[in-house]
């Protein structure tokens, strides 16, 4: 539920052009006290709201928080529905981390 809410907030911010949400989602993914599903959902929302390069500490979050268990937990989230053999979250992160490998993909959904 929390992941759905965070991603919905990000989507609404993107649709409505709400800049304050960029700061909020950035705070959420950087807060180690938040659950992994909230942090990862917040970072996905944040990446869709900015055109900034991926910061190094974000790579650390991906490497430590994104596990098979987290991917399975988030598999039912509509924004991360399994796209290939049950790897919706992992596929989304791969695209966001390697945008040059996916020329059709844009982080801001242009």
PDB file of N, CA and C in Angstrom:
ATOM      1  N   UNK A   1       0.822  -1.189   0.000  1.00  0.00           N
ATOM      2  CA  UNK A   1       0.000   0.000   0.000  1.00  0.00           C
ATOM      3  C   UNK A   1       0.865   1.250   0.000  1.00  0.00           C
ATOM      4  N   UNK A   2       1.903   1.257   0.849  1.00  0.00           N
ATOM      5  CA  UNK A   2       2.768   2.448   0.921  1.00  0.00           C
ATOM      6  C   UNK A   2       3.436   2.722  -0.408  1.00  0.00           C
ATOM      7  N   UNK A   3       3.895   1.666  -1.070  1.00  0.00           N
ATOM      8  CA  UNK A   3       4.545   1.843  -2.367  1.00  0.00           C
ATOM      9  C   UNK A   3       3.585   2.438  -3.381  1.00  0.00           C
ATOM     10  N   UNK A   4       2.361   1.944  -3.391  1.00  0.00           N
ATOM     11  CA  UNK A   4       1.345   2.474  -4.311  1.00  0.00           C
ATOM     12  C   UNK A   4       1.107   3.953  -4.056  1.00  0.00           C
ATOM     13  N   UNK A   5       1.029   4.336  -2.788  1.00  0.00           N
ATOM     14  CA  UNK A   5       0.786   5.739  -2.462  1.00  0.00           C
ATOM     15  C   UNK A   5       1.950   6.635  -2.892  1.00  0.00           C
ATOM     16  N   UNK A   6       3.160   6.180  -2.637  1.00  0.00           N
ATOM     17  CA  UNK A   6       4.331   6.975  -3.018  1.00  0.00           C
ATOM     18  C   UNK A   6       4.380   7.136  -4.535  1.00  0.00           C
ATOM     19  N   UNK A   7       4.159   6.060  -5.270  1.00  0.00           N
ATOM     20  CA  UNK A   7       4.188   6.143  -6.727  1.00  0.00           C
ATOM     21  C   UNK A   7       3.030   6.970  -7.271  1.00  0.00           C
ATOM     22  N   UNK A   8       1.879   6.890  -6.634  1.00  0.00           N
ATOM     23  CA  UNK A   8       0.737   7.719  -7.048  1.00  0.00           C
ATOM     24  C   UNK A   8       1.040   9.198  -6.823  1.00  0.00           C
ATOM     25  N   UNK A   9       1.661   9.517  -5.711  1.00  0.00           N
ATOM     26  CA  UNK A   9       2.055  10.902  -5.438  1.00  0.00           C
ATOM     27  C   UNK A   9       3.011  11.386  -6.529  1.00  0.00           C
ATOM     28  N   UNK A  10       3.969  10.541  -6.888  1.00  0.00           N
ATOM     29  CA  UNK A  10       4.906  10.900  -7.952  1.00  0.00           C
ATOM     30  C   UNK A  10       4.214  11.108  -9.287  1.00  0.00           C
ATOM     31  N   UNK A  11       3.278  10.239  -9.610  1.00  0.00           N
ATOM     32  CA  UNK A  11       2.569  10.373 -10.885  1.00  0.00           C
ATOM     33  C   UNK A  11       1.734  11.650 -10.916  1.00  0.00           C
ATOM     34  N   UNK A  12       1.027  11.930  -9.825  1.00  0.00           N
ATOM     35  CA  UNK A  12       0.231  13.159  -9.764  1.00  0.00           C
ATOM     36  C   UNK A  12       1.125  14.395  -9.862  1.00  0.00           C
ATOM     37  N   UNK A  13       2.267  14.349  -9.211  1.00  0.00           N
ATOM     38  CA  UNK A  13       3.197  15.479  -9.288  1.00  0.00           C
ATOM     39  C   UNK A  13       3.682  15.685 -10.709  1.00  0.00           C
ATOM     40  N   UNK A  14       3.955  14.589 -11.403  1.00  0.00           N
ATOM     41  CA  UNK A  14       4.403  14.682 -12.792  1.00  0.00           C
ATOM     42  C   UNK A  14       3.294  15.256 -13.673  1.00  0.00           C
ATOM     43  N   UNK A  15       2.080  14.777 -13.486  1.00  0.00           N
ATOM     44  CA  UNK A  15       0.951  15.237 -14.296  1.00  0.00           C
ATOM     45  C   UNK A  15       0.598  16.689 -14.013  1.00  0.00           C
ATOM     46  N   UNK A  16       0.718  17.104 -12.765  1.00  0.00           N
ATOM     47  CA  UNK A  16       0.314  18.451 -12.367  1.00  0.00           C
ATOM     48  C   UNK A  16       1.488  19.431 -12.324  1.00  0.00           C
ATOM     49  N   UNK A  17       2.700  18.936 -12.556  1.00  0.00           N
ATOM     50  CA  UNK A  17       3.869  19.805 -12.505  1.00  0.00           C
ATOM     51  C   UNK A  17       4.134  20.361 -11.115  1.00  0.00           C
ATOM     52  N   UNK A  18       4.014  19.515 -10.114  1.00  0.00           N
ATOM     53  CA  UNK A  18       4.152  19.923  -8.716  1.00  0.00           C
ATOM     54  C   UNK A  18       5.613  19.799  -8.268  1.00  0.00           C
ATOM     55  N   UNK A  19       6.366  20.910  -8.228  1.00  0.00           N
ATOM     56  CA  UNK A  19       7.796  20.835  -7.902  1.00  0.00           C
ATOM     57  C   UNK A  19       8.104  20.460  -6.451  1.00  0.00           C
ATOM     58  N   UNK A  20       7.215  20.736  -5.520  1.00  0.00           N
ATOM     59  CA  UNK A  20       7.490  20.415  -4.113  1.00  0.00           C
ATOM     60  C   UNK A  20       7.646  18.919  -3.900  1.00  0.00           C
ATOM     61  N   UNK A  21       7.026  18.134  -4.748  1.00  0.00           N
ATOM     62  CA  UNK A  21       7.111  16.678  -4.598  1.00  0.00           C
ATOM     63  C   UNK A  21       8.513  16.165  -4.905  1.00  0.00           C
ATOM     64  N   UNK A  22       9.250  16.870  -5.728  1.00  0.00           N
ATOM     65  CA  UNK A  22      10.636  16.468  -6.011  1.00  0.00           C
ATOM     66  C   UNK A  22      11.424  16.447  -4.704  1.00  0.00           C
ATOM     67  N   UNK A  23      11.300  17.488  -3.927  1.00  0.00           N
ATOM     68  CA  UNK A  23      12.014  17.547  -2.644  1.00  0.00           C
ATOM     69  C   UNK A  23      11.519  16.472  -1.694  1.00  0.00           C
ATOM     70  N   UNK A  24      10.219  16.253  -1.648  1.00  0.00           N
ATOM     71  CA  UNK A  24       9.645  15.265  -0.728  1.00  0.00           C
ATOM     72  C   UNK A  24      10.114  13.853  -1.090  1.00  0.00           C
ATOM     73  N   UNK A  25      10.031  13.488  -2.369  1.00  0.00           N
ATOM     74  CA  UNK A  25      10.458  12.135  -2.748  1.00  0.00           C
ATOM     75  C   UNK A  25      11.958  11.964  -2.541  1.00  0.00           C
ATOM     76  N   UNK A  26      12.714  13.039  -2.747  1.00  0.00           N
ATOM     77  CA  UNK A  26      14.151  12.972  -2.481  1.00  0.00           C
ATOM     78  C   UNK A  26      14.419  12.705  -1.003  1.00  0.00           C
ATOM     79  N   UNK A  27      13.681  13.372  -0.133  1.00  0.00           N
ATOM     80  CA  UNK A  27      13.814  13.132   1.312  1.00  0.00           C
ATOM     81  C   UNK A  27      13.472  11.686   1.656  1.00  0.00           C
ATOM     82  N   UNK A  28      12.409  11.176   1.068  1.00  0.00           N
ATOM     83  CA  UNK A  28      11.964   9.819   1.386  1.00  0.00           C
ATOM     84  C   UNK A  28      12.995   8.771   0.989  1.00  0.00           C
ATOM     85  N   UNK A  29      13.575   8.891  -0.214  1.00  0.00           N
ATOM     86  CA  UNK A  29      14.509   7.829  -0.606  1.00  0.00           C
ATOM     87  C   UNK A  29      15.834   7.937   0.126  1.00  0.00           C
ATOM     88  N   UNK A  30      16.153   9.112   0.623  1.00  0.00           N
ATOM     89  CA  UNK A  30      17.419   9.277   1.343  1.00  0.00           C
ATOM     90  C   UNK A  30      17.323   8.943   2.826  1.00  0.00           C
ATOM     91  N   UNK A  31      16.132   8.686   3.326  1.00  0.00           N
ATOM     92  CA  UNK A  31      15.923   8.428   4.749  1.00  0.00           C
ATOM     93  C   UNK A  31      16.088   6.938   5.060  1.00  0.00           C
ATOM     94  N   UNK A  32      17.202   6.547   5.679  1.00  0.00           N
ATOM     95  CA  UNK A  32      17.441   5.132   5.960  1.00  0.00           C
ATOM     96  C   UNK A  32      16.459   4.526   6.962  1.00  0.00           C
ATOM     97  N   UNK A  33      15.713   5.360   7.672  1.00  0.00           N
ATOM     98  CA  UNK A  33      14.733   4.845   8.631  1.00  0.00           C
ATOM     99  C   UNK A  33      13.456   4.366   7.937  1.00  0.00           C
ATOM    100  N   UNK A  34      13.261   4.752   6.707  1.00  0.00           N
ATOM    101  CA  UNK A  34      12.058   4.323   5.975  1.00  0.00           C
ATOM    102  C   UNK A  34      12.240   2.905   5.447  1.00  0.00           C
ATOM    103  N   UNK A  35      11.134   2.170   5.315  1.00  0.00           N
ATOM    104  CA  UNK A  35      11.221   0.803   4.775  1.00  0.00           C
ATOM    105  C   UNK A  35      11.733   0.811   3.327  1.00  0.00           C
ATOM    106  N   UNK A  36      12.368  -0.267   2.946  1.00  0.00           N
ATOM    107  CA  UNK A  36      12.959  -0.370   1.607  1.00  0.00           C
ATOM    108  C   UNK A  36      11.935  -0.136   0.509  1.00  0.00           C
ATOM    109  N   UNK A  37      10.710  -0.642   0.673  1.00  0.00           N
ATOM    110  CA  UNK A  37       9.713  -0.477  -0.387  1.00  0.00           C
ATOM    111  C   UNK A  37       9.316   0.987  -0.564  1.00  0.00           C
ATOM    112  N   UNK A  38       9.339   1.761   0.518  1.00  0.00           N
ATOM    113  CA  UNK A  38       9.038   3.187   0.428  1.00  0.00           C
ATOM    114  C   UNK A  38      10.210   3.922  -0.228  1.00  0.00           C
ATOM    115  N   UNK A  39      11.419   3.605   0.200  1.00  0.00           N
ATOM    116  CA  UNK A  39      12.603   4.275  -0.354  1.00  0.00           C
ATOM    117  C   UNK A  39      12.734   4.007  -1.845  1.00  0.00           C
ATOM    118  N   UNK A  40      12.573   2.773  -2.242  1.00  0.00           N
ATOM    119  CA  UNK A  40      12.730   2.431  -3.663  1.00  0.00           C
ATOM    120  C   UNK A  40      11.595   3.039  -4.486  1.00  0.00           C
ATOM    121  N   UNK A  41      10.384   3.020  -3.978  1.00  0.00           N
ATOM    122  CA  UNK A  41       9.270   3.652  -4.694  1.00  0.00           C
ATOM    123  C   UNK A  41       9.486   5.159  -4.799  1.00  0.00           C
ATOM    124  N   UNK A  42       9.991   5.757  -3.736  1.00  0.00           N
ATOM    125  CA  UNK A  42      10.264   7.198  -3.755  1.00  0.00           C
ATOM    126  C   UNK A  42      11.342   7.543  -4.770  1.00  0.00           C
ATOM    127  N   UNK A  43      12.352   6.705  -4.853  1.00  0.00           N
ATOM    128  CA  UNK A  43      13.418   6.992  -5.819  1.00  0.00           C
ATOM    129  C   UNK A  43      12.914   6.815  -7.258  1.00  0.00           C
ATOM    130  N   UNK A  44      12.042   5.853  -7.494  1.00  0.00           N
ATOM    131  CA  UNK A  44      11.470   5.706  -8.830  1.00  0.00           C
ATOM    132  C   UNK A  44      10.644   6.936  -9.191  1.00  0.00           C
ATOM    133  N   UNK A  45       9.845   7.408  -8.254  1.00  0.00           N
ATOM    134  CA  UNK A  45       9.052   8.620  -8.490  1.00  0.00           C
ATOM    135  C   UNK A  45       9.976   9.809  -8.732  1.00  0.00           C
ATOM    136  N   UNK A  46      10.990   9.954  -7.901  1.00  0.00           N
ATOM    137  CA  UNK A  46      11.927  11.072  -8.025  1.00  0.00           C
ATOM    138  C   UNK A  46      12.627  11.052  -9.378  1.00  0.00           C
ATOM    139  N   UNK A  47      13.086   9.884  -9.805  1.00  0.00           N
ATOM    140  CA  UNK A  47      13.772   9.790 -11.093  1.00  0.00           C
ATOM    141  C   UNK A  47      12.870  10.181 -12.264  1.00  0.00           C
ATOM    142  N   UNK A  48      11.593   9.944 -12.116  1.00  0.00           N
ATOM    143  CA  UNK A  48      10.656  10.323 -13.173  1.00  0.00           C
ATOM    144  C   UNK A  48      10.345  11.816 -13.149  1.00  0.00           C
ATOM    145  N   UNK A  49      10.650  12.471 -12.055  1.00  0.00           N
ATOM    146  CA  UNK A  49      10.353  13.898 -11.916  1.00  0.00           C
ATOM    147  C   UNK A  49      11.536  14.796 -12.242  1.00  0.00           C
ATOM    148  N   UNK A  50      12.734  14.236 -12.323  1.00  0.00           N
ATOM    149  CA  UNK A  50      13.936  15.039 -12.574  1.00  0.00           C
ATOM    150  C   UNK A  50      14.680  14.506 -13.793  1.00  0.00           C
ATOM    151  N   UNK A  51      15.529  15.346 -14.327  1.00  0.00           N
ATOM    152  CA  UNK A  51      16.408  14.933 -15.421  1.00  0.00           C
ATOM    153  C   UNK A  51      17.855  14.811 -14.950  1.00  0.00           C
ATOM    154  N   UNK A  52      18.054  14.861 -13.643  1.00  0.00           N
ATOM    155  CA  UNK A  52      19.388  14.808 -13.065  1.00  0.00           C
ATOM    156  C   UNK A  52      20.026  13.442 -13.301  1.00  0.00           C
ATOM    157  N   UNK A  53      21.356  13.406 -13.370  1.00  0.00           N
ATOM    158  CA  UNK A  53      22.037  12.108 -13.395  1.00  0.00           C
ATOM    159  C   UNK A  53      21.812  11.382 -12.079  1.00  0.00           C
ATOM    160  N   UNK A  54      21.924  10.088 -12.118  1.00  0.00           N
ATOM    161  CA  UNK A  54      21.723   9.293 -10.905  1.00  0.00           C
ATOM    162  C   UNK A  54      22.909   9.499  -9.962  1.00  0.00           C
ATOM    163  N   UNK A  55      22.647   9.999  -8.743  1.00  0.00           N
ATOM    164  CA  UNK A  55      23.737  10.208  -7.786  1.00  0.00           C
ATOM    165  C   UNK A  55      24.334   8.883  -7.304  1.00  0.00           C
ATOM    166  N   UNK A  56      25.585   8.939  -6.891  1.00  0.00           N
ATOM    167  CA  UNK A  56      26.292   7.731  -6.447  1.00  0.00           C
ATOM    168  C   UNK A  56      25.591   7.057  -5.273  1.00  0.00           C
ATOM    169  N   UNK A  57      25.079   7.835  -4.316  1.00  0.00           N
ATOM    170  CA  UNK A  57      24.436   7.217  -3.158  1.00  0.00           C
ATOM    171  C   UNK A  57      23.151   6.504  -3.549  1.00  0.00           C
ATOM    172  N   UNK A  58      22.573   6.886  -4.661  1.00  0.00           N
ATOM    173  CA  UNK A  58      21.394   6.188  -5.151  1.00  0.00           C
ATOM    174  C   UNK A  58      21.775   4.806  -5.660  1.00  0.00           C
ATOM    175  N   UNK A  59      22.913   4.703  -6.303  1.00  0.00           N
ATOM    176  CA  UNK A  59      23.403   3.394  -6.727  1.00  0.00           C
ATOM    177  C   UNK A  59      23.609   2.473  -5.544  1.00  0.00           C
ATOM    178  N   UNK A  60      24.095   3.027  -4.447  1.00  0.00           N
ATOM    179  CA  UNK A  60      24.272   2.244  -3.225  1.00  0.00           C
ATOM    180  C   UNK A  60      22.930   1.753  -2.701  1.00  0.00           C
ATOM    181  N   UNK A  61      21.913   2.618  -2.728  1.00  0.00           N
ATOM    182  CA  UNK A  61      20.574   2.204  -2.305  1.00  0.00           C
ATOM    183  C   UNK A  61      20.067   1.065  -3.176  1.00  0.00           C
ATOM    184  N   UNK A  62      20.216   1.205  -4.497  1.00  0.00           N
ATOM    185  CA  UNK A  62      19.783   0.137  -5.402  1.00  0.00           C
ATOM    186  C   UNK A  62      20.480  -1.175  -5.058  1.00  0.00           C
ATOM    187  N   UNK A  63      21.785  -1.101  -4.846  1.00  0.00           N
ATOM    188  CA  UNK A  63      22.569  -2.314  -4.610  1.00  0.00           C
ATOM    189  C   UNK A  63      22.257  -2.979  -3.273  1.00  0.00           C
ATOM    190  N   UNK A  64      21.836  -2.207  -2.284  1.00  0.00           N
ATOM    191  CA  UNK A  64      21.581  -2.798  -0.968  1.00  0.00           C
ATOM    192  C   UNK A  64      20.108  -3.100  -0.711  1.00  0.00           C
ATOM    193  N   UNK A  65      19.213  -2.246  -1.191  1.00  0.00           N
ATOM    194  CA  UNK A  65      17.788  -2.394  -0.857  1.00  0.00           C
ATOM    195  C   UNK A  65      17.010  -3.245  -1.850  1.00  0.00           C
ATOM    196  N   UNK A  66      17.464  -3.263  -3.094  1.00  0.00           N
ATOM    197  CA  UNK A  66      16.704  -3.991  -4.117  1.00  0.00           C
ATOM    198  C   UNK A  66      17.136  -5.455  -4.097  1.00  0.00           C
ATOM    199  N   UNK A  67      16.280  -6.262  -3.520  1.00  0.00           N
ATOM    200  CA  UNK A  67      16.526  -7.691  -3.402  1.00  0.00           C
ATOM    201  C   UNK A  67      15.428  -8.454  -4.135  1.00  0.00           C
ATOM    202  N   UNK A  68      15.603  -9.733  -4.269  1.00  0.00           N
ATOM    203  CA  UNK A  68      14.553 -10.558  -4.873  1.00  0.00           C
ATOM    204  C   UNK A  68      13.268 -10.482  -4.038  1.00  0.00           C
ATOM    205  N   UNK A  69      13.421 -10.424  -2.718  1.00  0.00           N
ATOM    206  CA  UNK A  69      12.247 -10.315  -1.843  1.00  0.00           C
ATOM    207  C   UNK A  69      11.497  -9.005  -2.084  1.00  0.00           C
ATOM    208  N   UNK A  70      12.245  -7.915  -2.241  1.00  0.00           N
ATOM    209  CA  UNK A  70      11.594  -6.629  -2.501  1.00  0.00           C
ATOM    210  C   UNK A  70      10.914  -6.647  -3.874  1.00  0.00           C
ATOM    211  N   UNK A  71      11.579  -7.206  -4.864  1.00  0.00           N
ATOM    212  CA  UNK A  71      10.974  -7.304  -6.202  1.00  0.00           C
ATOM    213  C   UNK A  71       9.685  -8.114  -6.153  1.00  0.00           C
ATOM    214  N   UNK A  72       9.682  -9.199  -5.388  1.00  0.00           N
ATOM    215  CA  UNK A  72       8.472 -10.016  -5.252  1.00  0.00           C
ATOM    216  C   UNK A  72       7.380  -9.243  -4.519  1.00  0.00           C
ATOM    217  N   UNK A  73       7.756  -8.503  -3.483  1.00  0.00           N
ATOM    218  CA  UNK A  73       6.792  -7.708  -2.729  1.00  0.00           C
ATOM    219  C   UNK A  73       6.134  -6.650  -3.615  1.00  0.00           C
ATOM    220  N   UNK A  74       6.928  -6.027  -4.482  1.00  0.00           N
ATOM    221  CA  UNK A  74       6.425  -4.949  -5.333  1.00  0.00           C
ATOM    222  C   UNK A  74       5.850  -5.437  -6.666  1.00  0.00           C
ATOM    223  N   UNK A  75       5.872  -6.739  -6.900  1.00  0.00           N
ATOM    224  CA  UNK A  75       5.393  -7.279  -8.173  1.00  0.00           C
ATOM    225  C   UNK A  75       3.915  -6.989  -8.418  1.00  0.00           C
ATOM    226  N   UNK A  76       3.142  -6.827  -7.369  1.00  0.00           N
ATOM    227  CA  UNK A  76       1.710  -6.573  -7.545  1.00  0.00           C
ATOM    228  C   UNK A  76       1.363  -5.088  -7.624  1.00  0.00           C
ATOM    229  N   UNK A  77       2.343  -4.231  -7.452  1.00  0.00           N
ATOM    230  CA  UNK A  77       2.108  -2.792  -7.539  1.00  0.00           C
ATOM    231  C   UNK A  77       1.835  -2.430  -9.001  1.00  0.00           C
ATOM    232  N   UNK A  78       0.699  -1.783  -9.279  1.00  0.00           N
ATOM    233  CA  UNK A  78       0.342  -1.495 -10.674  1.00  0.00           C
ATOM    234  C   UNK A  78       1.416  -0.772 -11.480  1.00  0.00           C
ATOM    235  N   UNK A  79       2.154   0.139 -10.869  1.00  0.00           N
ATOM    236  CA  UNK A  79       3.193   0.875 -11.584  1.00  0.00           C
ATOM    237  C   UNK A  79       4.387  -0.016 -11.920  1.00  0.00           C
ATOM    238  N   UNK A  80       4.511  -1.123 -11.236  1.00  0.00           N
ATOM    239  CA  UNK A  80       5.666  -2.005 -11.422  1.00  0.00           C
ATOM    240  C   UNK A  80       5.243  -3.402 -11.844  1.00  0.00           C
ATOM    241  N   UNK A  81       4.088  -3.493 -12.450  1.00  0.00           N
ATOM    242  CA  UNK A  81       3.602  -4.802 -12.865  1.00  0.00           C
ATOM    243  C   UNK A  81       4.677  -5.569 -13.628  1.00  0.00           C
ATOM    244  N   UNK A  82       4.731  -6.843 -13.366  1.00  0.00           N
ATOM    245  CA  UNK A  82       5.741  -7.677 -14.020  1.00  0.00           C
ATOM    246  C   UNK A  82       5.704  -7.462 -15.519  1.00  0.00           C
ATOM    247  N   UNK A  83       6.846  -7.140 -16.071  1.00  0.00           N
ATOM    248  CA  UNK A  83       6.920  -6.923 -17.508  1.00  0.00           C
ATOM    249  C   UNK A  83       7.624  -8.057 -18.234  1.00  0.00           C
ATOM    250  N   UNK A  84       8.497  -8.738 -17.556  1.00  0.00           N
ATOM    251  CA  UNK A  84       9.208  -9.865 -18.154  1.00  0.00           C
ATOM    252  C   UNK A  84       9.521 -10.894 -17.071  1.00  0.00           C
ATOM    253  N   UNK A  85       8.813 -11.971 -17.094  1.00  0.00           N
ATOM    254  CA  UNK A  85       9.106 -13.083 -16.188  1.00  0.00           C
ATOM    255  C   UNK A  85       9.233 -12.661 -14.722  1.00  0.00           C
ATOM    256  N   UNK A  86       8.347 -11.788 -14.265  1.00  0.00           N
ATOM    257  CA  UNK A  86       8.341 -11.436 -12.858  1.00  0.00           C
ATOM    258  C   UNK A  86       9.415 -10.479 -12.403  1.00  0.00           C
ATOM    259  N   UNK A  87       9.966  -9.673 -13.315  1.00  0.00           N
ATOM    260  CA  UNK A  87      11.041  -8.767 -12.914  1.00  0.00           C
ATOM    261  C   UNK A  87      10.680  -7.305 -13.172  1.00  0.00           C
ATOM    262  N   UNK A  88       9.458  -6.913 -12.901  1.00  0.00           N
ATOM    263  CA  UNK A  88       9.019  -5.554 -13.154  1.00  0.00           C
ATOM    264  C   UNK A  88       9.898  -4.508 -12.497  1.00  0.00           C
ATOM    265  N   UNK A  89      10.166  -4.642 -11.204  1.00  0.00           N
ATOM    266  CA  UNK A  89      11.008  -3.681 -10.495  1.00  0.00           C
ATOM    267  C   UNK A  89      12.419  -3.694 -11.062  1.00  0.00           C
ATOM    268  N   UNK A  90      12.985  -4.863 -11.202  1.00  0.00           N
ATOM    269  CA  UNK A  90      14.366  -4.955 -11.686  1.00  0.00           C
ATOM    270  C   UNK A  90      14.497  -4.406 -13.101  1.00  0.00           C
ATOM    271  N   UNK A  91      13.513  -4.672 -13.944  1.00  0.00           N
ATOM    272  CA  UNK A  91      13.527  -4.164 -15.321  1.00  0.00           C
ATOM    273  C   UNK A  91      13.433  -2.640 -15.312  1.00  0.00           C
ATOM    274  N   UNK A  92      12.560  -2.088 -14.488  1.00  0.00           N
ATOM    275  CA  UNK A  92      12.415  -0.635 -14.391  1.00  0.00           C
ATOM    276  C   UNK A  92      13.725   0.012 -13.941  1.00  0.00           C
ATOM    277  N   UNK A  93      14.343  -0.549 -12.935  1.00  0.00           N
ATOM    278  CA  UNK A  93      15.601   0.006 -12.435  1.00  0.00           C
ATOM    279  C   UNK A  93      16.726  -0.127 -13.458  1.00  0.00           C
ATOM    280  N   UNK A  94      16.762  -1.224 -14.168  1.00  0.00           N
ATOM    281  CA  UNK A  94      17.783  -1.400 -15.203  1.00  0.00           C
ATOM    282  C   UNK A  94      17.669  -0.306 -16.254  1.00  0.00           C
ATOM    283  N   UNK A  95      16.449  -0.013 -16.674  1.00  0.00           N
ATOM    284  CA  UNK A  95      16.239   1.037 -17.664  1.00  0.00           C
ATOM    285  C   UNK A  95      16.642   2.408 -17.124  1.00  0.00           C
ATOM    286  N   UNK A  96      16.267   2.681 -15.882  1.00  0.00           N
ATOM    287  CA  UNK A  96      16.583   3.986 -15.300  1.00  0.00           C
ATOM    288  C   UNK A  96      18.074   4.160 -15.051  1.00  0.00           C
ATOM    289  N   UNK A  97      18.750   3.094 -14.708  1.00  0.00           N
ATOM    290  CA  UNK A  97      20.186   3.178 -14.436  1.00  0.00           C
ATOM    291  C   UNK A  97      21.015   3.210 -15.705  1.00  0.00           C
ATOM    292  N   UNK A  98      20.463   2.715 -16.808  1.00  0.00           N
ATOM    293  CA  UNK A  98      21.209   2.615 -18.061  1.00  0.00           C
ATOM    294  C   UNK A  98      20.415   3.203 -19.224  1.00  0.00           C
ATOM    295  N   UNK A  99      20.042   4.478 -19.152  1.00  0.00           N
ATOM    296  CA  UNK A  99      19.180   5.047 -20.188  1.00  0.00           C
ATOM    297  C   UNK A  99      19.799   5.010 -21.585  1.00  0.00           C
ATOM    298  N   UNK A 100      21.132   5.015 -21.677  1.00  0.00           N
ATOM    299  CA  UNK A 100      21.772   4.964 -22.998  1.00  0.00           C
ATOM    300  C   UNK A 100      21.557   3.624 -23.693  1.00  0.00           C
ATOM    301  N   UNK A 101      21.282   2.587 -22.914  1.00  0.00           N
ATOM    302  CA  UNK A 101      21.026   1.262 -23.478  1.00  0.00           C
ATOM    303  C   UNK A 101      19.594   1.114 -23.976  1.00  0.00           C
ATOM    304  N   UNK A 102      18.746   2.090 -23.634  1.00  0.00           N
ATOM    305  CA  UNK A 102      17.325   2.042 -24.005  1.00  0.00           C
ATOM    306  C   UNK A 102      16.944   3.381 -24.636  1.00  0.00           C
ATOM    307  N   UNK A 103      17.298   3.588 -25.908  1.00  0.00           N
ATOM    308  CA  UNK A 103      17.083   4.901 -26.527  1.00  0.00           C
ATOM    309  C   UNK A 103      15.619   5.327 -26.581  1.00  0.00           C
ATOM    310  N   UNK A 104      14.712   4.393 -26.525  1.00  0.00           N
ATOM    311  CA  UNK A 104      13.282   4.709 -26.556  1.00  0.00           C
ATOM    312  C   UNK A 104      12.755   5.139 -25.198  1.00  0.00           C
ATOM    313  N   UNK A 105      13.551   4.930 -24.156  1.00  0.00           N
ATOM    314  CA  UNK A 105      13.120   5.192 -22.788  1.00  0.00           C
ATOM    315  C   UNK A 105      13.553   6.588 -22.357  1.00  0.00           C
ATOM    316  N   UNK A 106      12.635   7.350 -21.779  1.00  0.00           N
ATOM    317  CA  UNK A 106      12.983   8.623 -21.168  1.00  0.00           C
ATOM    318  C   UNK A 106      12.460   8.609 -19.739  1.00  0.00           C
ATOM    319  N   UNK A 107      13.268   9.070 -18.817  1.00  0.00           N
ATOM    320  CA  UNK A 107      12.869   9.038 -17.411  1.00  0.00           C
ATOM    321  C   UNK A 107      11.704   9.957 -17.117  1.00  0.00           C
ATOM    322  N   UNK A 108      11.521  11.002 -17.889  1.00  0.00           N
ATOM    323  CA  UNK A 108      10.445  11.942 -17.588  1.00  0.00           C
ATOM    324  C   UNK A 108       9.178  11.651 -18.383  1.00  0.00           C
ATOM    325  N   UNK A 109       9.118  10.521 -19.022  1.00  0.00           N
ATOM    326  CA  UNK A 109       7.928  10.092 -19.757  1.00  0.00           C
ATOM    327  C   UNK A 109       7.510  11.072 -20.830  1.00  0.00           C
ATOM    328  N   UNK A 110       8.476  11.742 -21.486  1.00  0.00           N
ATOM    329  CA  UNK A 110       8.158  12.664 -22.578  1.00  0.00           C
ATOM    330  C   UNK A 110       7.556  11.927 -23.747  1.00  0.00           C
TER     331      UNK A 110
END
